[in-house]
Amino acid sequence: MRKPLGYATVVEPDKSLVERDTVTCAHCQRIVFVKPGTGSTVYLIPQPTGSPREEMGAFCRRCMAPVCLECNEDGRCLPFERQLEQAER
């Protein structure tokens, strides 16, 4: 993926404006910040120190979509659409 799928603007009192490219996890719908210019290949993990930590992005080859690191660690492919279908039954 060459382009991010979204864009976030974070506004907090007494802090500077933060703007980031984002992707949405196909499994849990979590919003993940990505490094500009990398698409979804480098995730930015917020840190208490202020400077985000860089991690390699994750991609599910079963549903062919970006996923968050937690869903990637889980190893199961359960797309959000399928979760909704199961809940409707």
Protein backbone atom coordinates (compact mmCIF):
# COMPACT_ATOMS: atom_id res chain seq x y z
CA MET A 1 0.00 0.00 0.00
CA ARG A 2 1.56 3.25 -1.03
CA LYS A 3 -0.99 5.67 0.40
CA PRO A 4 -2.41 5.95 3.90
CA LEU A 5 -6.13 5.35 4.19
CA GLY A 6 -6.91 8.22 6.54
CA TYR A 7 -5.77 11.35 8.28
CA ALA A 8 -6.02 12.36 11.96
CA THR A 9 -5.78 15.72 13.66
CA VAL A 10 -5.23 15.57 17.43
CA VAL A 11 -5.99 18.72 19.41
CA GLU A 12 -5.13 18.85 23.12
CA PRO A 13 -5.20 21.84 25.46
CA ASP A 14 -1.78 23.34 26.12
CA LYS A 15 -0.13 21.12 23.49
CA SER A 16 0.74 21.67 19.86
CA LEU A 17 -1.49 20.35 17.08
CA VAL A 18 -0.58 16.83 15.90
CA GLU A 19 -1.44 15.70 12.38
CA ARG A 20 -0.80 12.11 11.24
CA ASP A 21 -1.57 9.74 8.38
CA THR A 22 -3.57 6.70 9.51
CA VAL A 23 -4.75 3.22 8.54
CA THR A 24 -7.64 1.30 10.12
CA CYS A 25 -7.20 -2.27 11.32
CA ALA A 26 -9.41 -4.54 9.22
CA HIS A 27 -9.98 -6.85 12.20
CA CYS A 28 -10.73 -4.57 15.19
CA GLN A 29 -11.20 -1.13 13.55
CA ARG A 30 -8.38 0.41 15.63
CA ILE A 31 -6.85 3.56 14.14
CA VAL A 32 -3.07 3.26 13.69
CA PHE A 33 -0.75 6.20 12.98
CA VAL A 34 1.72 5.62 10.15
CA LYS A 35 4.98 7.31 9.26
CA PRO A 36 4.49 9.87 6.47
CA GLY A 37 5.53 8.61 3.07
CA THR A 38 5.55 4.93 4.07
CA GLY A 39 1.88 4.04 3.55
CA SER A 40 1.17 1.40 6.15
CA THR A 41 4.65 -0.11 6.33
CA VAL A 42 5.86 1.79 9.43
CA TYR A 43 3.53 2.33 12.39
CA LEU A 44 4.08 5.14 14.91
CA ILE A 45 3.39 3.97 18.47
CA PRO A 46 2.72 6.89 20.88
CA GLN A 47 5.11 7.05 23.86
CA PRO A 48 4.83 8.96 27.16
CA THR A 49 8.08 10.76 26.31
CA GLY A 50 6.34 12.46 23.39
CA SER A 51 8.40 11.06 20.53
CA PRO A 52 6.61 8.09 18.88
CA ARG A 53 8.34 4.71 18.51
CA GLU A 54 8.51 3.23 15.01
CA GLU A 55 7.41 -0.39 14.43
CA MET A 56 7.11 -2.40 11.24
CA GLY A 57 3.52 -2.41 9.99
CA ALA A 58 1.37 -5.54 9.77
CA PHE A 59 -0.70 -6.93 6.90
CA CYS A 60 -3.13 -9.88 6.94
CA ARG A 61 -2.55 -12.01 3.85
CA ARG A 62 -5.86 -13.86 4.29
CA CYS A 63 -8.12 -10.80 3.99
CA MET A 64 -5.45 -8.69 2.23
CA ALA A 65 -5.76 -5.68 4.55
CA PRO A 66 -3.62 -3.76 7.07
CA VAL A 67 -4.05 -4.82 10.70
CA CYS A 68 -2.84 -3.47 14.05
CA LEU A 69 0.08 -5.12 15.80
CA GLU A 70 -2.18 -6.76 18.43
CA CYS A 71 -4.37 -8.45 15.78
CA ASN A 72 -1.25 -9.50 13.90
CA GLU A 73 0.13 -11.13 17.07
CA ASP A 74 -3.20 -12.94 17.56
CA GLY A 75 -2.69 -14.69 14.23
CA ARG A 76 -6.39 -15.20 13.46
CA CYS A 77 -8.13 -13.62 10.49
CA LEU A 78 -11.48 -12.32 11.69
CA PRO A 79 -12.38 -9.26 9.58
CA PHE A 80 -14.74 -6.76 11.17
CA GLU A 81 -17.37 -7.41 8.49
CA ARG A 82 -17.46 -11.09 9.44
CA GLN A 83 -17.72 -10.16 13.13
CA LEU A 84 -20.79 -8.04 12.31
CA GLU A 85 -22.36 -10.90 10.35
CA GLN A 86 -21.82 -13.25 13.31
CA ALA A 87 -23.37 -10.74 15.71
CA GLU A 88 -26.46 -10.37 13.48
CA ARG A 89 -27.15 -14.14 13.56
